[in-house]
Protein backbone atom coordinates (compact mmCIF):
# COMPACT_ATOMS: atom_id res chain seq x y z
CA MET A 1 -9.23 -6.79 -0.02
CA ASP A 2 -5.77 -8.32 -0.46
CA THR A 3 -3.32 -5.39 -0.24
CA ARG A 4 -0.39 -7.76 -0.70
CA ILE A 5 -0.90 -7.18 -4.42
CA LEU A 6 0.37 -3.66 -3.81
CA HIS A 7 3.78 -5.13 -2.91
CA TYR A 8 3.90 -7.68 -5.75
CA VAL A 9 6.94 -7.03 -7.97
CA GLU A 10 6.65 -9.81 -10.55
CA PRO A 11 7.71 -8.28 -13.90
CA GLY A 12 5.41 -8.34 -16.90
CA LEU A 13 2.32 -6.97 -15.19
CA GLY A 14 1.28 -3.45 -16.13
CA PRO A 15 -0.73 -1.10 -13.91
CA GLU A 16 -4.02 -2.03 -15.62
CA GLU A 17 -3.55 -5.71 -14.76
CA ARG A 18 -2.54 -4.90 -11.19
CA TRP A 19 -5.51 -2.59 -10.70
CA PHE A 20 -7.77 -5.33 -12.16
CA LEU A 21 -6.46 -7.81 -9.57
CA LEU A 22 -6.83 -5.35 -6.68
CA GLN A 23 -10.43 -4.66 -7.63
CA TRP A 24 -11.06 -8.39 -8.00
CA SER A 25 -9.71 -8.95 -4.48
CA MET A 26 -12.02 -6.29 -3.04
CA VAL A 27 -15.21 -7.15 -4.91
CA PHE A 28 -15.01 -10.96 -5.04
CA GLY A 29 -11.88 -12.16 -3.23
CA LEU A 30 -9.01 -13.59 -5.23
CA ASP A 31 -9.89 -17.15 -4.23
CA GLN A 32 -13.39 -16.87 -5.67
CA MET A 33 -14.34 -17.97 -9.18
CA LEU A 34 -16.76 -15.70 -11.03
CA THR A 35 -19.09 -16.78 -13.81
CA CYS A 36 -20.54 -13.87 -15.77
CA THR A 37 -20.37 -11.93 -19.01
CA LEU A 38 -17.37 -9.76 -19.72
CA LEU A 39 -19.58 -6.67 -19.58
CA GLU A 40 -20.78 -7.58 -16.09
CA LEU A 41 -17.21 -8.27 -14.97
CA ASN A 42 -16.03 -4.90 -16.29
CA ASN A 43 -18.87 -3.02 -14.62
CA ARG A 44 -18.42 -4.71 -11.26
CA LEU A 45 -14.69 -3.94 -11.26
CA GLY A 46 -15.18 -0.36 -12.43
CA LEU A 47 -13.11 -0.72 -15.61
CA SER A 48 -13.76 0.58 -19.09
CA PRO A 49 -14.02 -2.09 -21.82
CA GLN A 50 -10.68 -1.10 -23.38
CA HIS A 51 -8.79 -1.22 -20.07
CA ALA A 52 -10.49 -4.47 -18.98
CA LYS A 53 -9.81 -6.14 -22.34
CA LYS A 54 -6.11 -5.27 -22.19
CA ALA A 55 -5.82 -6.42 -18.57
CA LEU A 56 -7.65 -9.70 -19.17
CA ALA A 57 -5.56 -10.54 -22.22
CA SER A 58 -2.28 -9.91 -20.39
CA LEU A 59 -3.37 -11.81 -17.27
CA LYS A 60 -4.39 -14.82 -19.34
CA VAL A 61 -1.23 -14.81 -21.47
CA ASN A 62 1.00 -14.63 -18.37
CA GLY A 63 -0.93 -17.36 -16.58
CA TYR A 64 -2.37 -15.24 -13.78
CA LEU A 65 -5.99 -15.79 -14.76
CA SER A 66 -7.87 -18.57 -16.47
CA CYS A 67 -11.07 -17.98 -18.41
CA GLU A 68 -13.40 -20.67 -19.73
CA THR A 69 -16.52 -20.02 -21.80
CA VAL A 70 -19.45 -21.89 -20.25
CA ARG A 71 -22.31 -20.69 -22.42
CA HIS A 72 -22.58 -19.93 -26.12
CA GLY A 73 -25.65 -19.24 -28.20
CA ARG A 74 -27.88 -16.23 -28.20
CA GLY A 75 -26.90 -13.24 -26.09
CA ARG A 76 -23.52 -12.44 -24.66
CA PRO A 77 -21.24 -15.39 -23.89
CA VAL A 78 -20.75 -16.23 -20.24
CA SER A 79 -17.30 -17.18 -18.94
CA SER A 80 -15.84 -18.52 -15.72
CA HIS A 81 -12.87 -16.56 -14.41
CA ARG A 82 -10.42 -17.85 -11.83
CA VAL A 83 -7.18 -16.42 -10.41
CA SER A 84 -4.30 -18.87 -10.81
CA SER A 85 -3.05 -20.87 -7.83
CA ARG A 86 0.48 -19.74 -8.74
CA LEU A 87 -0.41 -16.12 -8.06
CA LEU A 88 -2.21 -17.00 -4.83
CA ARG A 89 0.83 -18.91 -3.57
CA SER A 90 3.12 -15.99 -4.46
CA LEU A 91 0.92 -13.54 -2.56
CA GLU A 92 0.87 -15.78 0.52
CA LYS A 93 4.64 -15.24 0.85
CA LEU A 94 4.30 -11.45 1.03
CA ASP A 95 3.82 -9.28 4.11
CA ALA A 96 0.16 -9.20 5.11
CA THR A 97 0.44 -6.15 7.44
CA ILE A 98 -2.59 -3.87 7.19
CA PRO A 99 -1.40 -0.45 5.98
CA PRO A 100 -2.42 2.71 7.89
CA HIS A 101 -4.25 3.90 4.77
CA GLN A 102 -6.35 0.75 4.38
CA PRO A 103 -9.67 2.70 4.69
CA GLU A 104 -8.56 5.16 2.01
CA ILE A 105 -7.41 2.36 -0.32
CA GLU A 106 -10.78 0.61 -0.01
CA ALA A 107 -12.65 3.89 -0.51
CA LEU A 108 -10.56 4.62 -3.60
CA CYS A 109 -11.47 1.25 -5.11
CA ARG A 110 -15.16 1.77 -4.40
CA ASN A 111 -14.94 5.30 -5.78
CA ALA A 112 -13.56 4.01 -9.09
CA ILE A 113 -16.50 1.62 -9.44
CA THR A 114 -19.06 4.30 -8.56
CA ILE A 115 -17.61 6.84 -10.98
CA ARG A 116 -17.45 4.30 -13.78
CA ALA A 117 -21.08 3.32 -13.23
CA SER A 118 -22.29 6.94 -13.30
CA ARG A 119 -20.30 8.01 -16.35
CA LYS A 120 -22.29 7.97 -19.56
CA GLU A 121 -20.80 7.99 -23.03
CA LYS A 122 -22.55 11.17 -24.08
CA THR A 123 -21.38 12.87 -20.90
CA GLN A 124 -17.79 12.03 -21.79
CA ASN A 125 -18.26 13.54 -25.22
CA LEU A 126 -19.39 16.81 -23.63
CA MET A 127 -16.40 17.04 -21.28
CA SER A 128 -13.90 19.86 -21.60
CA GLY A 129 -10.22 19.12 -22.10
CA GLU A 130 -9.50 19.93 -18.47
CA GLN A 131 -12.28 17.64 -17.26
CA ARG A 132 -10.92 14.80 -19.37
CA SER A 133 -7.40 15.33 -18.05
CA ASN A 134 -8.71 15.02 -14.49
CA ILE A 135 -10.30 11.61 -15.10
CA LEU A 136 -8.35 8.93 -13.27
CA VAL A 137 -7.32 5.99 -15.38
CA PRO A 138 -6.30 2.64 -13.84
CA ALA A 139 -2.62 3.65 -13.93
CA THR A 140 -3.33 6.74 -11.80
CA TYR A 141 -5.50 4.80 -9.37
CA TRP A 142 -2.87 2.12 -9.10
CA LEU A 143 0.02 4.52 -8.42
CA LEU A 144 -1.99 6.29 -5.73
CA THR A 145 -2.92 3.02 -4.00
CA VAL A 146 0.74 1.94 -4.11
CA LEU A 147 1.80 5.19 -2.44
CA LEU A 148 -0.91 4.75 0.19
CA ALA A 149 0.16 1.16 0.84
CA HIS A 150 3.77 2.23 1.42
CA ALA A 151 2.95 5.00 3.92
CA ASP A 152 4.00 4.09 7.46
CA THR A 153 1.95 6.97 8.82
CA PRO A 154 -1.09 8.59 7.14
CA GLY A 155 -0.07 11.24 4.63
CA ILE A 156 3.68 10.50 4.43
CA VAL A 157 5.48 8.10 2.11
CA ARG A 158 9.20 7.49 2.60
CA GLY A 159 11.74 4.84 1.75
CA VAL A 160 10.35 4.03 -1.71
CA SER A 161 12.81 4.66 -4.51
CA PHE A 162 11.86 5.48 -8.08
CA GLY A 163 13.06 1.99 -8.99
CA ASN A 164 10.83 0.45 -6.30
CA LEU A 165 7.86 2.38 -7.65
CA ARG A 166 8.56 1.10 -11.15
CA SER A 167 8.68 -2.48 -9.84
CA VAL A 168 5.39 -2.35 -7.93
CA THR A 169 3.51 -0.29 -10.52
CA GLY A 170 4.73 -2.06 -13.65
CA MET A 171 5.24 1.31 -15.35
CA THR A 172 8.02 2.52 -17.58
CA LYS A 173 10.15 5.41 -16.34
CA GLU A 174 8.35 7.89 -18.58
CA ARG A 175 4.89 6.68 -17.62
CA LEU A 176 5.66 6.77 -13.90
CA LYS A 177 6.92 10.34 -14.19
CA SER A 178 3.75 11.29 -16.06
CA GLN A 179 1.47 9.73 -13.44
CA LEU A 180 3.37 11.34 -10.56
CA SER A 181 2.99 14.70 -12.30
CA LYS A 182 -0.73 14.07 -12.62
CA LEU A 183 -1.13 13.37 -8.89
CA LYS A 184 0.78 16.58 -8.15
CA LYS A 185 -1.39 18.55 -10.57
CA LEU A 186 -4.54 17.15 -8.98
CA GLY A 187 -3.21 18.21 -5.57
CA VAL A 188 -3.12 14.69 -4.14
CA ILE A 189 0.65 14.96 -3.65
CA ALA A 190 1.00 18.20 -1.68
CA ASN A 191 4.78 18.20 -1.67
CA HIS A 192 7.48 15.91 -2.96
CA GLU A 193 11.11 16.16 -1.91
CA PRO A 194 13.15 14.14 -4.42
CA GLY A 195 15.68 11.73 -3.02
CA VAL A 196 19.43 12.11 -3.32
CA LEU A 197 21.27 9.09 -4.68
CA ARG A 198 25.05 9.00 -4.32
CA SER A 199 26.99 5.81 -4.80
CA GLN A 200 29.77 6.61 -2.33
CA GLU A 201 28.66 9.55 -0.19
CA GLY A 202 25.32 8.01 0.80
CA SER A 203 21.73 8.35 -0.36
CA MET A 204 18.25 9.08 0.91
CA ARG A 205 14.92 8.17 -0.66
CA SER A 206 12.19 10.61 -1.67
CA VAL A 207 9.57 11.90 0.72
CA PHE A 208 5.98 12.34 -0.49
CA PHE A 209 3.66 14.49 1.61
CA LEU A 210 0.06 13.65 0.66
CA ASN A 211 -2.88 16.03 0.97
CA LEU A 212 -5.07 14.17 3.45
CA ALA A 213 -7.95 16.58 2.86
CA HIS A 214 -8.11 15.73 -0.87
CA PRO A 215 -11.42 14.12 -1.96
CA LEU A 216 -9.51 11.02 -3.12
CA LEU A 217 -8.06 10.54 0.37
CA MET A 218 -9.67 11.41 3.71
CA GLY A 219 -11.59 14.39 2.30
CA GLU A 220 -12.08 17.95 3.46
CA ASP A 221 -14.55 16.79 6.12
CA SER A 222 -11.70 14.99 7.88
CA ARG A 223 -10.00 18.29 8.72
CA GLY A 224 -11.19 19.20 12.18
CA LEU A 225 -8.71 21.98 12.88
CA SER A 226 -6.13 24.18 11.18
CA VAL A 227 -3.53 25.96 13.30
CA ILE A 228 -1.72 28.79 11.54
CA ILE A 229 1.66 29.35 13.16
CA SER A 230 3.27 32.76 12.80
CA SER A 231 6.49 34.16 14.24
CA THR A 232 7.21 36.99 16.57
CA GLY A 233 10.36 39.00 16.02
CA ARG A 234 11.94 40.57 12.97
CA PRO A 235 11.50 39.40 9.37
CA GLY A 236 14.13 36.81 8.55
CA ASN A 237 14.16 35.36 12.03
CA LYS A 238 13.67 31.61 12.39
CA ASN A 239 11.36 29.58 14.62
CA PHE A 240 11.67 25.91 15.53
CA LEU A 241 9.86 24.85 12.33
CA SER A 242 11.55 27.09 9.81
CA GLY A 243 14.96 27.07 11.46
CA PHE A 244 15.67 23.67 12.98
CA TYR A 245 17.99 22.63 10.15
CA ASP A 246 19.68 26.04 9.78
CA ALA A 247 20.16 26.16 13.55
CA ALA A 248 21.88 22.77 13.43
CA LEU A 249 24.20 24.06 10.71
CA VAL A 250 25.00 27.27 12.58
CA ALA A 251 25.67 25.43 15.83
CA SER A 252 27.82 22.88 13.97
CA GLU A 253 29.87 25.66 12.36
CA VAL A 254 30.46 27.39 15.69
CA ILE A 255 31.29 24.15 17.53
CA GLU A 256 33.55 22.88 14.74
CA ASN A 257 35.44 26.16 14.49
CA ALA A 258 35.42 27.22 18.16
CA GLU A 259 39.21 27.26 18.49
CA LYS A 260 39.71 29.02 15.19
CA ILE A 261 37.12 31.66 16.15
CA ARG A 262 38.92 32.30 19.43
CA GLU A 263 42.24 32.64 17.62
CA LYS A 264 40.78 35.05 15.07
CA ILE A 265 39.20 37.15 17.82
CA ASP A 266 42.49 37.22 19.77
CA GLU A 267 44.21 38.62 16.67
CA ILE A 268 41.86 41.61 16.49
CA THR A 269 43.58 44.89 17.21
CA VAL A 270 42.52 48.50 16.84
CA VAL A 271 45.04 50.57 14.90
CA ASP A 272 44.39 54.27 15.31
CA LEU A 273 47.31 56.68 15.27
CA GLY A 274 45.17 59.20 17.14
CA LEU A 275 44.85 56.95 20.19
CA GLU A 276 47.26 56.44 23.01
CA GLU A 277 48.57 52.87 23.39
CA HIS A 278 46.46 52.13 26.45
CA GLU A 279 43.37 53.57 24.69
CA ALA A 280 44.02 51.37 21.64
CA GLN A 281 44.35 48.34 23.91
CA TRP A 282 41.07 49.22 25.60
CA GLU A 283 39.30 49.63 22.27
CA SER A 284 40.77 46.33 21.06
CA MET A 285 39.51 44.57 24.18
CA LEU A 286 36.02 46.04 23.71
CA LEU A 287 35.97 44.96 20.06
CA LYS A 288 37.10 41.45 20.97
CA ASN A 289 34.32 41.25 23.57
CA ARG A 290 31.78 42.38 20.99
CA TYR A 291 32.88 39.63 18.62
CA ALA A 292 32.90 36.99 21.36
CA ASN A 293 29.48 38.07 22.64
CA THR A 294 28.09 38.04 19.10
CA TYR A 295 29.19 34.43 18.59
CA ASN A 296 27.94 33.41 22.02
CA HIS A 297 24.56 35.02 21.31
CA LEU A 298 24.43 33.33 17.89
CA LEU A 299 25.08 29.92 19.47
CA GLN A 300 22.48 30.56 22.17
CA ASN A 301 19.87 31.48 19.54
CA ALA A 302 20.67 28.34 17.56
CA ARG A 303 20.48 26.22 20.71
CA SER A 304 17.00 27.59 21.47
CA LEU A 305 15.72 25.90 18.28
CA LEU A 306 17.45 22.58 18.95
CA PRO A 307 17.45 19.69 21.40
CA PRO A 308 20.40 19.67 23.86
CA LEU A 309 23.73 20.14 22.09
CA LYS A 310 25.02 16.83 23.48
CA PHE A 311 23.14 15.13 20.62
CA LEU A 312 24.67 17.40 17.98
CA GLU A 313 28.27 17.66 19.19
CA PRO A 314 29.34 14.09 18.21
CA VAL A 315 28.03 14.51 14.62
CA VAL A 316 28.93 18.08 13.62
CA ASP A 317 31.32 16.79 10.94
CA GLU A 318 28.60 14.63 9.39
CA VAL A 319 26.00 17.42 9.50
CA LEU A 320 28.34 19.85 7.72
CA GLU A 321 29.49 17.23 5.22
CA PHE A 322 25.98 16.15 4.23
CA HIS A 323 25.03 19.79 3.76
CA ARG A 324 28.09 20.30 1.56
CA LEU A 325 26.94 17.32 -0.54
CA GLY A 326 23.59 19.00 -1.18
CA MET A 327 21.52 16.74 1.07
CA GLY A 328 20.05 19.48 3.24
CA SER A 329 16.58 19.54 1.67
CA ILE A 330 16.04 15.78 1.84
CA LEU A 331 17.33 15.63 5.43
CA LYS A 332 14.91 18.39 6.44
CA ALA A 333 12.01 16.59 4.76
CA HIS A 334 12.82 13.32 6.53
CA ILE A 335 13.20 14.95 9.95
CA LEU A 336 9.89 16.80 9.57
CA SER A 337 8.21 13.56 8.49
CA TYR A 338 9.54 11.73 11.58
CA ALA A 339 8.15 14.52 13.78
CA VAL A 340 4.72 14.14 12.18
CA MET A 341 4.99 10.37 12.56
CA LEU A 342 5.65 10.82 16.28
CA LEU A 343 2.58 13.03 16.66
CA SER A 344 0.26 10.83 14.59
CA ASN A 345 1.37 7.43 15.85
CA HIS A 346 2.67 8.16 19.36
CA TRP A 347 0.69 11.07 20.81
CA VAL A 348 0.11 9.29 24.11
CA GLU A 349 3.85 8.61 24.58
CA ILE A 350 4.67 12.27 23.96
CA GLU A 351 1.89 13.38 26.28
CA HIS A 352 3.31 11.25 29.09
CA GLY A 353 6.91 12.29 28.50
CA ARG A 354 7.98 8.97 27.01
CA GLY A 355 9.98 8.35 23.86
CA LYS A 356 12.80 10.77 24.69
CA PRO A 357 16.12 10.40 22.83
CA SER A 358 17.56 8.57 25.83
CA ASP A 359 14.85 5.91 25.41
CA PRO A 360 13.57 6.29 21.83
CA ILE A 361 10.43 4.72 20.42
CA GLY A 362 11.57 1.57 18.63
CA SER A 363 9.47 1.89 15.48
CA ILE A 364 10.66 5.45 14.85
CA MET A 365 14.30 4.58 15.41
CA THR A 366 13.97 1.56 13.12
CA THR A 367 12.56 3.81 10.42
CA ILE A 368 15.40 6.32 10.85
CA LYS A 369 18.01 3.56 10.63
CA ARG A 370 16.37 2.23 7.47
CA ASP A 371 16.21 5.63 5.80
CA CYS A 372 19.67 6.83 6.89
CA SER A 373 21.62 3.59 6.80
CA SER A 374 23.60 4.54 3.70
CA LEU A 375 24.76 7.85 5.21
CA VAL A 376 27.26 6.24 7.58
CA VAL A 377 30.02 3.72 6.93
CA ALA A 378 28.85 0.95 9.27
CA ASP A 379 25.32 0.73 10.58
CA ASP A 380 26.45 -0.64 13.96
CA SER A 381 29.32 1.83 14.48
CA GLN A 382 29.30 4.50 17.15
CA ASP A 383 29.16 7.14 14.41
CA ALA A 384 25.96 5.56 13.10
CA VAL A 385 24.44 5.37 16.58
CA ASP A 386 25.29 9.02 17.24
CA PHE A 387 23.91 10.20 13.91
CA HIS A 388 20.66 8.22 14.17
CA THR A 389 20.21 9.46 17.75
CA PHE A 390 20.71 13.07 16.62
CA ILE A 391 18.10 12.70 13.86
CA TYR A 392 15.68 11.18 16.37
CA ALA A 393 16.41 13.89 18.95
CA LEU A 394 15.74 16.66 16.42
CA ALA A 395 12.50 15.02 15.22
CA HIS A 396 11.38 14.45 18.81
CA HIS A 397 12.16 18.08 19.65
CA LEU A 398 9.96 19.24 16.72
CA ALA A 399 7.15 16.90 17.76
CA VAL A 400 7.22 18.12 21.36
CA GLU A 401 7.19 21.77 20.27
CA LEU A 402 4.19 21.07 18.00
CA TYR A 403 2.57 19.21 20.89
CA TYR A 404 2.87 22.36 23.03
CA VAL A 405 1.30 24.40 20.23
CA LEU A 406 -1.67 22.02 20.20
CA LYS A 407 -1.92 22.11 23.99
CA GLN A 408 -2.49 25.87 23.66
CA VAL A 409 -5.45 25.04 21.42
CA GLU A 410 -6.68 22.52 23.95
CA GLN A 411 -6.82 25.24 26.62
CA GLN A 412 -9.26 27.15 24.41
CA GLN A 413 -11.24 24.14 23.14
CA PHE A 414 -11.53 21.48 25.79
CA ASP A 415 -13.19 18.76 23.69
CA CYS A 416 -10.01 17.99 21.73
CA ASP A 417 -8.85 14.39 21.49
CA PHE A 418 -5.63 14.60 19.57
CA ALA A 419 -4.70 11.01 20.48
CA VAL A 420 -6.87 9.72 17.59
CA ALA A 421 -5.86 12.41 15.10
CA PHE A 422 -3.47 12.48 12.15
CA PHE A 423 -1.37 15.54 11.46
CA SER A 424 0.15 17.35 8.53
CA VAL A 425 2.51 20.33 8.54
CA GLU A 426 3.35 22.58 5.61
CA PRO A 427 4.89 26.02 5.06
CA LEU A 428 2.78 28.92 3.80
CA LYS A 429 3.56 32.30 2.30
CA HIS A 430 1.29 35.22 3.14
CA GLU A 431 2.13 38.77 2.09
CA GLY A 432 5.80 37.92 2.11
CA ASN A 433 5.66 36.42 5.60
CA GLU A 434 6.58 32.80 6.25
CA LEU A 435 3.82 30.93 8.08
CA TRP A 436 3.23 27.29 8.85
CA LYS A 437 -0.05 25.38 8.80
CA LEU A 438 -0.65 22.48 11.16
CA ASP A 439 -3.72 20.49 10.11
CA VAL A 440 -5.47 17.99 12.38
CA HIS A 441 -7.43 15.20 10.68
CA PHE A 442 -9.92 12.74 12.13
CA ARG A 443 -11.54 9.69 10.57
CA PRO A 444 -15.36 9.52 10.75
CA SER A 445 -15.05 6.26 12.68
CA ASP A 446 -13.16 8.14 15.41
CA GLY A 447 -15.64 11.00 15.48
CA VAL A 448 -14.56 14.13 13.65
CA MET A 449 -14.33 17.16 15.96
CA TYR A 450 -14.76 20.45 14.13
CA LEU A 451 -12.89 23.07 16.10
CA ASN A 452 -12.36 26.76 15.54
CA ASN A 453 -9.24 27.46 13.50
CA VAL A 454 -6.52 29.13 15.53
CA LEU A 455 -3.69 31.59 14.87
CA ILE A 456 -0.74 31.11 17.22
CA SER A 457 2.45 33.17 17.40
CA ILE A 458 5.69 31.52 18.46
CA ARG A 459 9.09 32.91 19.32
CA SER A 460 11.67 33.37 16.58
CA VAL A 461 15.35 34.25 16.77
CA ASN A 462 18.07 35.58 14.54
CA ILE A 463 20.57 32.88 13.57
CA SER A 464 22.38 34.79 10.84
CA LEU A 465 25.72 36.44 11.47
CA PRO A 466 26.35 40.01 10.28
CA VAL A 467 29.07 40.02 7.61
CA GLU A 468 31.29 42.34 9.64
CA PHE A 469 31.34 39.82 12.50
CA ASN A 470 32.16 36.76 10.39
CA VAL A 471 35.78 36.27 11.37
CA LEU A 472 35.86 33.01 9.40
CA ALA A 473 34.85 34.58 6.08
CA GLY A 474 37.41 33.60 3.52
CA GLY A 475 39.52 31.91 6.13
CA LYS A 476 38.14 28.38 6.22
CA GLU A 477 40.44 25.53 5.41
CA ASN A 478 39.52 23.19 2.59
């Protein structure tokens, strides 16, 4: 299979033509000429006659495919089909890196052929409306394979803009939106955090979290373990998963306004005509201590969900500004995706204490710089270095905390080999409680280990400030 087609952006090719070429590359090889009837060609590529006819016509008109009839007479005509040398030369210039989802892409192509071969016309006529809507057409297959090809770790697609998707799928804006909606409805896309595009204030691309257990991907049999993570403490408290971003905001607010908080607390006085002056002074001092202790406790709670504050302190202005610009959700999605990438791609480094923020893993830092490059003025400035390091430190902190959760499982089930696993993390709601699910997936070639599902409780803390203690309320400068 030649997955370089999945990065081919030449205009004029629709998804049907692109899917036709991908199937050709898998079944025959793009450099191979095929002599057969059109019916045989359609069947071997897993295409319906109407989709194959449209694709063939477009490929011939645009010079990507040549067809020559070699036999007339009785029976169906036989033609020779050859992919143009122009297309082959264009593909040779593209990146030939094997994507992490190569097995799933190949399985998806084979699945399309198998389903097409088993589908009978009378069976289609008996299908319900819902069954028909769930049939994958070439456009749906093509979009899914494009997403898989652009994942730098199994289950997570980042750094692909809507415009990029239009270029590599050959779809109109409306058709792309429709096909994305279909993948979400089918449950293939488990969660999608839309990107934020701002011309001056910076931008971040979308993040797609794919459902690895979906039958079109790795399948339910790939899931060897589910860890349900619950929180101790009061409702509304935050743990390292639910609160890492909020904790960064809280800590940034306290650090940014430390002097102002001290000044506000120093201004507190108790006015009570029934108290002697020395008693009023004593009560004022006690109240000031209560406020100071409340803020200290708040900062300590926030710090417990974060990496060392030395990574946050240089970028508090940026963290608060990006939140003000409405970029909190996309930042959270990216940071969580980097944490999963660390677990899935670099388990051994984490296990041996490598890849710390002081000596980050190069591929992860490169990805962060790519995704966050537009958020800072100059990519090589100290501000950029500090911000990228903070994002890495926070993602690494999440990955290490999840690693410790899985080590608890390992103590109960000693045959775990998480070094060959892929991970996915998603929030859950159960009876009003916020839970998190950490799934562990294995490929059959690595030996799927079916382990007992586990419920683990982790510490949570309160990082919200009671209104009566918010000395900054209404007093912040614009």
